[in-house]
Protein backbone atom coordinates (compact mmCIF):
# COMPACT_ATOMS: atom_id res chain seq x y z
CA UNK A 1 8.33 1.55 -36.91
CA UNK A 2 5.17 0.97 -34.92
CA UNK A 3 3.00 3.99 -34.26
CA UNK A 4 1.99 4.84 -30.72
CA UNK A 5 -1.25 6.48 -29.76
CA UNK A 6 -2.52 7.78 -26.47
CA UNK A 7 -5.88 7.15 -24.88
CA UNK A 8 -7.34 7.68 -21.44
CA UNK A 9 -8.98 4.93 -19.39
CA UNK A 10 -10.91 4.97 -16.13
CA UNK A 11 -9.28 3.07 -13.27
CA UNK A 12 -12.67 2.13 -11.80
CA UNK A 13 -14.86 1.02 -14.73
CA UNK A 14 -12.47 0.82 -17.70
CA UNK A 15 -14.22 3.59 -19.70
CA UNK A 16 -12.05 4.70 -22.66
CA UNK A 17 -11.79 8.21 -24.04
CA UNK A 18 -9.62 9.99 -26.59
CA UNK A 19 -9.11 12.95 -24.24
CA UNK A 20 -8.68 13.41 -20.52
CA UNK A 21 -11.75 14.25 -18.44
CA UNK A 22 -11.97 15.14 -14.78
CA UNK A 23 -15.14 13.09 -14.24
CA UNK A 24 -15.62 9.65 -15.80
CA UNK A 25 -18.87 9.46 -17.82
CA UNK A 26 -19.07 5.72 -17.15
CA UNK A 27 -19.01 5.52 -13.34
CA UNK A 28 -19.24 9.20 -12.37
CA UNK A 29 -16.02 9.14 -10.29
CA UNK A 30 -13.61 12.07 -10.25
CA UNK A 31 -9.89 11.92 -11.15
CA UNK A 32 -9.94 8.28 -12.24
CA UNK A 33 -8.92 8.81 -15.91
CA UNK A 34 -5.30 7.75 -16.51
CA UNK A 35 -3.22 7.96 -19.67
CA UNK A 36 -2.54 4.74 -21.56
CA UNK A 37 -0.04 4.47 -24.42
CA UNK A 38 -0.58 1.60 -26.82
CA UNK A 39 1.28 0.49 -29.91
CA UNK A 40 -0.57 0.22 -33.24
CA UNK A 41 2.04 -2.02 -34.86
CA UNK A 42 1.63 -5.68 -35.69
CA UNK A 43 -0.77 -7.48 -33.37
CA UNK A 44 0.93 -9.54 -30.71
CA UNK A 45 0.13 -13.03 -29.59
CA UNK A 46 -0.67 -12.15 -26.02
CA UNK A 47 -3.30 -12.85 -23.48
CA UNK A 48 -6.19 -12.22 -25.86
CA UNK A 49 -4.93 -14.45 -28.67
CA UNK A 50 -7.65 -16.86 -29.78
CA UNK A 51 -6.50 -20.23 -28.52
CA UNK A 52 -9.75 -21.73 -27.30
CA UNK A 53 -9.30 -23.91 -24.23
CA UNK A 54 -7.17 -26.68 -25.71
CA UNK A 55 -3.74 -25.04 -25.72
CA UNK A 56 -3.70 -23.66 -29.27
CA UNK A 57 -6.43 -25.79 -30.89
CA UNK A 58 -9.33 -23.67 -32.08
CA UNK A 59 -12.56 -24.62 -30.38
CA UNK A 60 -15.80 -25.15 -32.30
CA UNK A 61 -19.44 -24.93 -31.34
CA UNK A 62 -20.62 -28.23 -29.86
CA UNK A 63 -24.04 -29.37 -28.61
CA UNK A 64 -24.10 -29.34 -24.85
CA UNK A 65 -25.44 -32.89 -24.75
CA UNK A 66 -22.30 -34.23 -26.46
CA UNK A 67 -19.79 -32.52 -24.15
CA UNK A 68 -18.08 -34.95 -21.80
CA UNK A 69 -17.48 -33.79 -18.25
CA UNK A 70 -14.71 -35.05 -16.02
CA UNK A 71 -15.33 -35.07 -12.29
CA UNK A 72 -12.11 -33.81 -10.72
CA UNK A 73 -11.90 -33.93 -6.93
CA UNK A 74 -11.06 -30.72 -5.14
CA UNK A 75 -7.65 -30.49 -3.54
CA UNK A 76 -8.13 -29.87 0.17
CA UNK A 77 -5.65 -28.05 2.33
CA UNK A 78 -5.24 -28.56 6.07
CA UNK A 79 -6.82 -25.11 6.59
CA UNK A 80 -10.51 -26.01 6.86
CA UNK A 81 -11.63 -22.37 6.97
CA UNK A 82 -10.05 -21.78 3.55
CA UNK A 83 -11.61 -24.97 2.19
CA UNK A 84 -15.01 -23.74 3.35
CA UNK A 85 -14.65 -20.35 1.68
CA UNK A 86 -13.45 -21.91 -1.60
CA UNK A 87 -16.44 -24.27 -1.63
CA UNK A 88 -14.70 -27.45 -0.47
CA UNK A 89 -11.13 -27.06 -1.69
CA UNK A 90 -8.97 -25.77 -4.53
CA UNK A 91 -10.17 -26.47 -8.08
CA UNK A 92 -7.54 -27.24 -10.72
CA UNK A 93 -7.37 -24.62 -13.43
CA UNK A 94 -9.05 -21.96 -11.29
CA UNK A 95 -7.96 -18.34 -10.96
CA UNK A 96 -8.47 -16.95 -7.43
CA UNK A 97 -8.11 -13.27 -6.54
CA UNK A 98 -7.45 -12.28 -2.91
CA UNK A 99 -7.75 -8.63 -1.88
CA UNK A 100 -7.29 -6.85 1.42
CA UNK A 101 -5.72 -3.90 3.21
CA UNK A 102 -1.92 -3.66 3.49
CA UNK A 103 -0.57 -5.70 6.37
CA UNK A 104 -3.80 -7.64 6.88
CA UNK A 105 -2.11 -11.01 6.25
CA UNK A 106 -2.66 -11.89 2.58
CA UNK A 107 0.93 -12.95 1.93
CA UNK A 108 1.08 -14.80 5.24
CA UNK A 109 -2.06 -16.78 4.41
CA UNK A 110 -0.86 -17.71 0.92
CA UNK A 111 2.57 -18.73 2.17
CA UNK A 112 0.92 -21.00 4.73
CA UNK A 113 -1.38 -22.42 2.02
CA UNK A 114 1.67 -23.04 -0.19
CA UNK A 115 3.32 -24.95 2.63
CA UNK A 116 0.21 -27.06 3.24
CA UNK A 117 -0.02 -27.99 -0.44
CA UNK A 118 3.73 -28.64 -0.76
CA UNK A 119 3.68 -30.80 2.37
CA UNK A 120 1.02 -32.95 0.67
CA UNK A 121 3.35 -33.58 -2.27
CA UNK A 122 2.03 -30.94 -4.68
CA UNK A 123 4.48 -28.71 -6.51
CA UNK A 124 3.95 -25.01 -5.72
CA UNK A 125 5.57 -21.96 -7.33
CA UNK A 126 5.48 -18.82 -5.17
CA UNK A 127 6.14 -15.72 -7.31
CA UNK A 128 6.85 -12.53 -5.37
CA UNK A 129 6.99 -9.22 -7.17
CA UNK A 130 7.30 -7.17 -3.99
CA UNK A 131 9.90 -9.13 -2.00
CA UNK A 132 13.25 -10.65 -2.83
CA UNK A 133 13.78 -14.38 -2.46
CA UNK A 134 15.80 -13.75 0.71
CA UNK A 135 12.97 -11.71 2.24
CA UNK A 136 10.47 -14.44 1.40
CA UNK A 137 12.77 -17.00 3.02
CA UNK A 138 12.99 -14.93 6.22
CA UNK A 139 9.19 -14.74 6.43
CA UNK A 140 8.93 -18.46 5.71
CA UNK A 141 11.36 -19.24 8.55
CA UNK A 142 9.25 -17.17 10.94
CA UNK A 143 6.15 -19.14 9.93
CA UNK A 144 7.91 -22.51 9.99
CA UNK A 145 7.48 -23.04 6.24
CA UNK A 146 10.02 -25.38 4.65
CA UNK A 147 9.54 -27.89 1.82
CA UNK A 148 11.45 -29.02 -1.27
CA UNK A 149 8.19 -28.91 -3.27
CA UNK A 150 7.81 -25.17 -2.63
CA UNK A 151 9.68 -23.09 -5.21
CA UNK A 152 10.26 -19.36 -4.66
CA UNK A 153 10.75 -16.99 -7.59
CA UNK A 154 11.14 -13.20 -7.51
CA UNK A 155 10.15 -11.69 -10.88
CA UNK A 156 7.79 -9.07 -12.33
CA UNK A 157 8.17 -9.74 -16.07
CA UNK A 158 5.20 -11.82 -17.21
CA UNK A 159 7.10 -13.45 -20.09
CA UNK A 160 9.79 -14.67 -17.68
CA UNK A 161 7.08 -15.90 -15.30
CA UNK A 162 5.41 -17.80 -18.14
CA UNK A 163 8.75 -19.33 -19.12
CA UNK A 164 9.41 -20.43 -15.53
CA UNK A 165 5.96 -22.03 -15.31
CA UNK A 166 6.70 -23.91 -18.53
CA UNK A 167 9.99 -25.23 -17.14
CA UNK A 168 8.94 -26.10 -13.57
CA UNK A 169 5.37 -27.30 -14.39
CA UNK A 170 3.87 -26.53 -10.96
CA UNK A 171 0.39 -27.58 -9.88
CA UNK A 172 -0.20 -24.32 -7.97
CA UNK A 173 1.07 -20.80 -8.60
CA UNK A 174 0.97 -17.84 -6.18
CA UNK A 175 1.39 -14.34 -7.68
CA UNK A 176 2.03 -11.60 -5.11
CA UNK A 177 0.87 -9.16 -6.36
CA UNK A 178 -0.83 -8.53 -9.72
CA UNK A 179 -0.14 -4.77 -9.49
CA UNK A 180 3.64 -5.38 -9.67
CA UNK A 181 3.55 -7.68 -12.74
CA UNK A 182 4.02 -6.14 -16.19
CA UNK A 183 3.78 -7.37 -19.78
CA UNK A 184 6.72 -6.07 -21.88
CA UNK A 185 4.47 -5.51 -24.91
CA UNK A 186 2.30 -3.04 -22.96
CA UNK A 187 3.97 0.35 -22.69
CA UNK A 188 2.11 1.62 -19.61
CA UNK A 189 3.50 1.35 -16.08
CA UNK A 190 2.91 -1.70 -13.84
CA UNK A 191 -0.34 -1.39 -11.92
CA UNK A 192 -2.11 0.58 -14.65
CA UNK A 193 -5.44 -0.49 -16.12
CA UNK A 194 -3.91 -1.96 -19.28
CA UNK A 195 -1.17 -3.86 -17.43
CA UNK A 196 -3.52 -5.34 -14.82
CA UNK A 197 -6.05 -6.37 -17.46
CA UNK A 198 -3.46 -7.86 -19.81
CA UNK A 199 -1.51 -9.72 -17.12
CA UNK A 200 -4.66 -11.16 -15.55
CA UNK A 201 -5.88 -12.36 -18.94
CA UNK A 202 -2.53 -14.04 -19.60
CA UNK A 203 -2.61 -15.74 -16.18
CA UNK A 204 -6.16 -16.87 -16.87
CA UNK A 205 -5.02 -18.43 -20.15
CA UNK A 206 -2.18 -20.24 -18.34
CA UNK A 207 -4.57 -21.54 -15.67
CA UNK A 208 -7.11 -22.86 -18.17
CA UNK A 209 -4.75 -24.35 -20.75
CA UNK A 210 -2.30 -25.93 -18.28
CA UNK A 211 -4.84 -26.85 -15.57
CA UNK A 212 -2.86 -24.91 -12.98
CA UNK A 213 -4.58 -23.32 -9.98
CA UNK A 214 -3.36 -19.72 -9.66
CA UNK A 215 -3.80 -17.42 -6.66
CA UNK A 216 -3.20 -13.72 -7.30
CA UNK A 217 -3.02 -10.96 -4.69
CA UNK A 218 -4.73 -7.65 -5.47
CA UNK A 219 -4.17 -4.34 -3.72
CA UNK A 220 -7.20 -2.40 -2.52
CA UNK A 221 -8.10 1.28 -2.72
CA UNK A 222 -8.85 3.48 0.27
CA UNK A 223 -12.56 2.68 -0.22
CA UNK A 224 -11.79 -1.03 0.27
CA UNK A 225 -12.37 -2.25 -3.31
CA UNK A 226 -9.69 -4.03 -5.34
CA UNK A 227 -7.51 -1.57 -7.23
CA UNK A 228 -7.64 -1.61 -11.01
CA UNK A 229 -10.53 -2.03 -13.42
CA UNK A 230 -13.71 -3.80 -12.32
CA UNK A 231 -13.03 -6.13 -15.24
CA UNK A 232 -10.41 -7.77 -13.01
CA UNK A 233 -13.07 -9.24 -10.72
CA UNK A 234 -15.16 -10.40 -13.69
CA UNK A 235 -12.25 -12.27 -15.29
CA UNK A 236 -11.28 -14.43 -12.31
CA UNK A 237 -13.19 -17.47 -11.02
CA UNK A 238 -13.18 -16.57 -7.32
CA UNK A 239 -12.85 -13.27 -5.46
CA UNK A 240 -11.91 -13.38 -1.78
CA UNK A 241 -11.69 -10.41 0.56
CA UNK A 242 -9.47 -10.52 3.64
CA UNK A 243 -11.07 -8.22 6.20
CA UNK A 244 -10.27 -7.07 9.71
CA UNK A 245 -8.44 -4.40 11.66
CA UNK A 246 -4.65 -4.43 11.57
CA UNK A 247 -4.53 -3.79 15.33
CA UNK A 248 -6.92 -6.63 16.15
CA UNK A 249 -6.06 -10.31 16.06
CA UNK A 250 -9.09 -11.67 14.20
CA UNK A 251 -9.31 -11.79 10.41
CA UNK A 252 -12.30 -12.64 8.22
CA UNK A 253 -11.88 -14.24 4.80
CA UNK A 254 -15.04 -13.70 2.78
CA UNK A 255 -16.00 -14.95 -0.70
CA UNK A 256 -17.90 -12.40 -2.77
CA UNK A 257 -17.70 -14.38 -6.02
CA UNK A 258 -17.20 -18.10 -6.52
CA UNK A 259 -17.93 -20.04 -9.69
CA UNK A 260 -17.29 -23.32 -7.88
CA UNK A 261 -19.17 -22.80 -4.63
CA UNK A 262 -21.41 -20.62 -2.50
CA UNK A 263 -20.86 -16.90 -2.19
CA UNK A 264 -20.80 -15.00 1.11
CA UNK A 265 -18.99 -17.87 2.82
CA UNK A 266 -16.84 -16.70 5.70
CA UNK A 267 -13.71 -18.06 7.35
CA UNK A 268 -12.38 -16.78 10.68
CA UNK A 269 -8.64 -16.62 11.45
CA UNK A 270 -6.61 -15.37 14.36
CA UNK A 271 -3.28 -13.67 13.72
CA UNK A 272 -0.55 -14.96 16.02
CA UNK A 273 3.22 -14.74 16.10
CA UNK A 274 3.55 -18.01 14.17
CA UNK A 275 1.04 -16.97 11.51
CA UNK A 276 -2.69 -17.35 11.00
CA UNK A 277 -4.65 -19.95 12.94
CA UNK A 278 -8.22 -20.89 12.06
CA UNK A 279 -11.05 -20.33 14.54
CA UNK A 280 -13.27 -23.41 14.66
CA UNK A 281 -16.17 -21.84 16.62
CA UNK A 282 -16.47 -18.11 15.85
CA UNK A 283 -19.73 -17.72 17.81
CA UNK A 284 -17.88 -18.19 21.10
CA UNK A 285 -15.32 -15.57 20.05
CA UNK A 286 -17.96 -12.95 19.22
CA UNK A 287 -19.89 -13.48 22.47
CA UNK A 288 -17.07 -14.01 24.99
CA UNK A 289 -16.96 -10.35 26.13
CA UNK A 290 -20.71 -9.71 26.17
CA UNK A 291 -21.90 -7.62 29.13
CA UNK A 292 -24.60 -9.13 31.32
CA UNK A 293 -27.66 -7.03 32.13
CA UNK A 294 -26.80 -4.13 29.79
CA UNK A 295 -29.64 -2.53 27.83
CA UNK A 296 -29.41 -2.30 24.05
CA UNK A 297 -27.70 -5.70 23.61
CA UNK A 298 -29.22 -8.63 21.71
CA UNK A 299 -27.87 -11.80 20.13
CA UNK A 300 -28.85 -12.90 16.63
CA UNK A 301 -28.07 -16.07 14.68
CA UNK A 302 -26.92 -14.92 11.26
CA UNK A 303 -26.15 -17.19 8.30
CA UNK A 304 -22.76 -16.57 6.71
CA UNK A 305 -22.97 -18.77 3.64
CA UNK A 306 -23.70 -22.25 4.99
CA UNK A 307 -22.52 -21.50 8.55
CA UNK A 308 -24.70 -20.07 11.35
CA UNK A 309 -22.84 -17.49 13.45
CA UNK A 310 -24.11 -15.94 16.68
CA UNK A 311 -23.15 -12.29 17.03
CA UNK A 312 -24.07 -9.49 19.41
CA UNK A 313 -25.83 -6.35 18.18
CA UNK A 314 -25.42 -3.30 20.40
CA UNK A 315 -27.54 -0.13 20.28
CA UNK A 316 -27.21 3.18 22.09
CA UNK A 317 -30.16 5.60 21.93
CA UNK A 318 -29.70 9.04 23.49
CA UNK A 319 -31.48 12.41 23.14
CA UNK A 320 -30.03 14.54 20.40
CA UNK A 321 -28.35 17.86 21.01
CA UNK A 322 -28.82 19.05 17.44
CA UNK A 323 -31.74 19.73 15.15
CA UNK A 324 -31.23 16.58 13.11
CA UNK A 325 -30.64 13.33 15.03
CA UNK A 326 -27.61 11.26 14.08
CA UNK A 327 -27.81 7.73 12.72
CA UNK A 328 -24.52 5.81 12.84
CA UNK A 329 -24.00 2.08 12.28
CA UNK A 330 -20.94 -0.17 12.16
CA UNK A 331 -21.37 -3.57 10.52
CA UNK A 332 -24.97 -2.80 9.49
CA UNK A 333 -26.34 -0.66 6.68
CA UNK A 334 -27.37 2.65 8.22
CA UNK A 335 -30.33 2.84 5.82
CA UNK A 336 -31.70 -0.34 7.40
CA UNK A 337 -31.37 1.25 10.84
CA UNK A 338 -33.36 4.30 9.70
CA UNK A 339 -36.03 2.04 8.20
CA UNK A 340 -36.45 -0.01 11.38
CA UNK A 341 -36.57 3.12 13.55
CA UNK A 342 -39.36 4.43 11.33
CA UNK A 343 -41.25 1.14 11.81
CA UNK A 344 -40.84 1.35 15.59
CA UNK A 345 -42.07 4.94 15.61
CA UNK A 346 -45.08 4.32 13.35
CA UNK A 347 -46.17 0.83 14.41
CA UNK A 348 -45.09 0.68 18.06
CA UNK A 349 -45.44 4.33 19.06
CA UNK A 350 -41.86 5.05 20.11
CA UNK A 351 -40.85 8.71 19.78
CA UNK A 352 -37.43 8.31 18.17
CA UNK A 353 -37.34 11.39 15.93
CA UNK A 354 -35.44 13.37 18.59
CA UNK A 355 -33.02 10.54 19.49
CA UNK A 356 -29.49 9.85 18.27
CA UNK A 357 -28.94 6.20 17.34
CA UNK A 358 -25.59 4.40 17.37
CA UNK A 359 -25.49 0.70 16.43
CA UNK A 360 -22.61 -1.73 16.22
CA UNK A 361 -22.03 -5.41 15.48
CA UNK A 362 -19.52 -6.68 18.05
CA UNK A 363 -16.43 -8.41 16.70
CA UNK A 364 -16.10 -6.46 13.46
CA UNK A 365 -18.49 -8.66 11.46
CA UNK A 366 -20.59 -7.16 8.66
CA UNK A 367 -24.20 -8.39 8.53
CA UNK A 368 -26.47 -7.83 5.54
CA UNK A 369 -29.17 -10.50 5.65
CA UNK A 370 -32.86 -9.75 6.45
CA UNK A 371 -32.99 -12.14 9.45
CA UNK A 372 -31.20 -9.60 11.68
CA UNK A 373 -34.01 -7.01 11.45
CA UNK A 374 -35.87 -8.13 14.57
CA UNK A 375 -32.71 -8.19 16.69
CA UNK A 376 -31.87 -4.64 15.58
CA UNK A 377 -35.39 -3.45 16.46
CA UNK A 378 -35.24 -5.10 19.90
CA UNK A 379 -31.80 -3.57 20.56
CA UNK A 380 -33.10 -0.09 19.72
CA UNK A 381 -36.18 -0.54 21.90
CA UNK A 382 -34.11 -1.98 24.75
CA UNK A 383 -31.78 1.02 24.80
CA UNK A 384 -34.63 3.52 24.37
CA UNK A 385 -36.62 2.04 27.28
CA UNK A 386 -33.44 1.22 29.24
CA UNK A 387 -34.65 -2.36 29.77
CA UNK A 388 -32.12 -5.15 29.21
CA UNK A 389 -33.03 -8.33 27.39
CA UNK A 390 -32.51 -11.74 28.93
CA UNK A 391 -28.92 -12.94 28.41
CA UNK A 392 -30.21 -16.37 27.37
CA UNK A 393 -32.39 -15.03 24.51
CA UNK A 394 -31.55 -15.27 20.82
CA UNK A 395 -33.69 -13.21 18.44
CA UNK A 396 -34.25 -14.03 14.76
CA UNK A 397 -36.65 -12.55 12.20
CA UNK A 398 -37.24 -10.20 9.28
CA UNK A 399 -39.34 -7.09 9.85
CA UNK A 400 -41.72 -5.66 7.23
CA UNK A 401 -42.83 -2.05 6.87
CA UNK A 402 -46.23 -2.86 8.37
CA UNK A 403 -44.57 -4.17 11.53
CA UNK A 404 -44.99 -7.87 10.78
CA UNK A 405 -42.28 -10.45 11.48
CA UNK A 406 -41.61 -12.55 8.38
CA UNK A 407 -40.23 -16.04 7.89
CA UNK A 408 -36.46 -16.58 7.52
CA UNK A 409 -34.48 -19.38 5.89
CA UNK A 410 -32.47 -22.19 7.54
CA UNK A 411 -34.12 -21.72 10.92
CA UNK A 412 -33.13 -25.20 12.11
CA UNK A 413 -29.39 -24.56 11.75
CA UNK A 414 -29.72 -21.21 13.53
CA UNK A 415 -31.58 -22.70 16.49
CA UNK A 416 -29.13 -25.58 16.75
CA UNK A 417 -26.21 -23.14 16.96
CA UNK A 418 -28.01 -21.21 19.70
CA UNK A 419 -28.70 -24.40 21.63
CA UNK A 420 -25.08 -25.48 21.30
CA UNK A 421 -23.92 -22.28 23.04
CA UNK A 422 -26.37 -22.64 25.92
CA UNK A 423 -29.18 -20.25 24.94
CA UNK A 424 -32.52 -21.09 26.55
CA UNK A 425 -35.02 -19.15 24.43
CA UNK A 426 -35.25 -18.25 20.76
CA UNK A 427 -37.70 -15.57 19.62
CA UNK A 428 -38.44 -16.30 15.98
CA UNK A 429 -41.19 -15.76 13.36
CA UNK A 430 -44.39 -17.69 14.05
CA UNK A 431 -44.40 -19.01 10.47
CA UNK A 432 -41.09 -20.76 11.14
CA UNK A 433 -42.59 -22.94 13.86
CA UNK A 434 -43.21 -26.56 12.94
CA UNK A 435 -41.91 -28.80 10.21
CA UNK A 436 -38.55 -29.42 11.85
CA UNK A 437 -37.16 -30.91 15.04
CA UNK A 438 -36.24 -28.54 17.85
CA UNK A 439 -33.16 -29.32 20.00
CA UNK A 440 -33.81 -30.32 23.60
CA UNK A 441 -33.49 -27.77 26.37
CA UNK A 442 -34.45 -24.69 24.32
CA UNK A 443 -37.79 -22.86 24.18
CA UNK A 444 -39.18 -21.47 20.94
CA UNK A 445 -41.37 -18.36 21.07
CA UNK A 446 -43.14 -17.54 17.81
CA UNK A 447 -44.08 -13.91 17.16
CA UNK A 448 -45.98 -12.34 14.28
CA UNK A 449 -45.37 -8.62 14.94
CA UNK A 450 -42.72 -6.33 16.33
CA UNK A 451 -44.97 -5.34 19.22
CA UNK A 452 -45.37 -8.97 20.24
CA UNK A 453 -41.62 -9.53 19.99
CA UNK A 454 -40.88 -6.52 22.21
CA UNK A 455 -43.40 -7.77 24.78
CA UNK A 456 -41.68 -11.17 24.92
CA UNK A 457 -38.12 -9.81 24.90
CA UNK A 458 -38.53 -6.80 27.21
CA UNK A 459 -41.58 -7.78 29.23
CA UNK A 460 -44.50 -5.47 28.56
């Protein structure tokens, strides 16, 4: 009879301990240690069995110069926004993890992707661990999804799933969700650290040995990160986050890890009654409700992966009623706001230490690149002085601690996007002038300091 022993593992970082602890020594989080029961009997041939990458043939060390590579074309769907985020299309043998809040549209997106692939003649197996086959059919009817190449299977046992994949031999597999799948050899409950790790490793082995592209859905915690051990994100090839508010129509699909393409790519979707529809020009969406002549509003051209996106940054500066002024930001790191306010106070002479500051990126986008610094500084100064910027101005630049405006990357694509939407002036770093062709009908104003930028944007 196999012996069973108990250990405790952290849900966040995977730290193992022989006894329970309130605070994890690995990541410092409280109440994340969960009990795991494992069998010490004969070792099983599971997800971590040494099979190499040739379906059971042990691999050997080979010089890199003698390894032959095969150029396999990516499989494109009819959803161009998804193709962009994946780096050009779906790669055979890849393991893609999609996370997001409940009800955000993960299952809807994957069901639409399954239909697009099945309509192109590819065999797709949609495995649902949370819905019955009848429920999946009802959702498919609502979305207009119907194809003989799309197979639906409701199962949570990983061995049965593996057997079905062997029999049907699909090209694409959708697993919704990884927290409901369990391996019968692991004694812990579905969704635990051991189950998630073991099931993901088994799915990774299936994807690599059978050259099957697998999409898996992952639940998220209340902090917004994917539930389960961080090892889960390290094991997969691509990690996508589906962001947005449930009560708003726009959704953002963002790549935070991609072994086959660029990270930080972004795809914009709109949730409608018939499912998700891609937004071809997100800049128009983010600027369509912009107020004219309001102080504290600026437009910046931000790069999201390889795509320039124009978004509005709004600032509200008001005298504080408390001893310590408040600093709140939505879509921007609040530490960056504090840094730029310190630069404005020290280098420009603005008395902001007794002012509350509230900043927001309109449209629910999250910006984290340095090129938005100058637009944030101009928004703060515009609200503080109660002087609006020109509606036809776009502001780009990185701000240093000495008040200088530094060069940014891909300035040509940013300016072209601004010109396409009808902007007349672009305030940008002086070092970015020259060396590229400027679109017709737009004026470039190079600045080298924050003071010079405020003079151009606010007039004096």
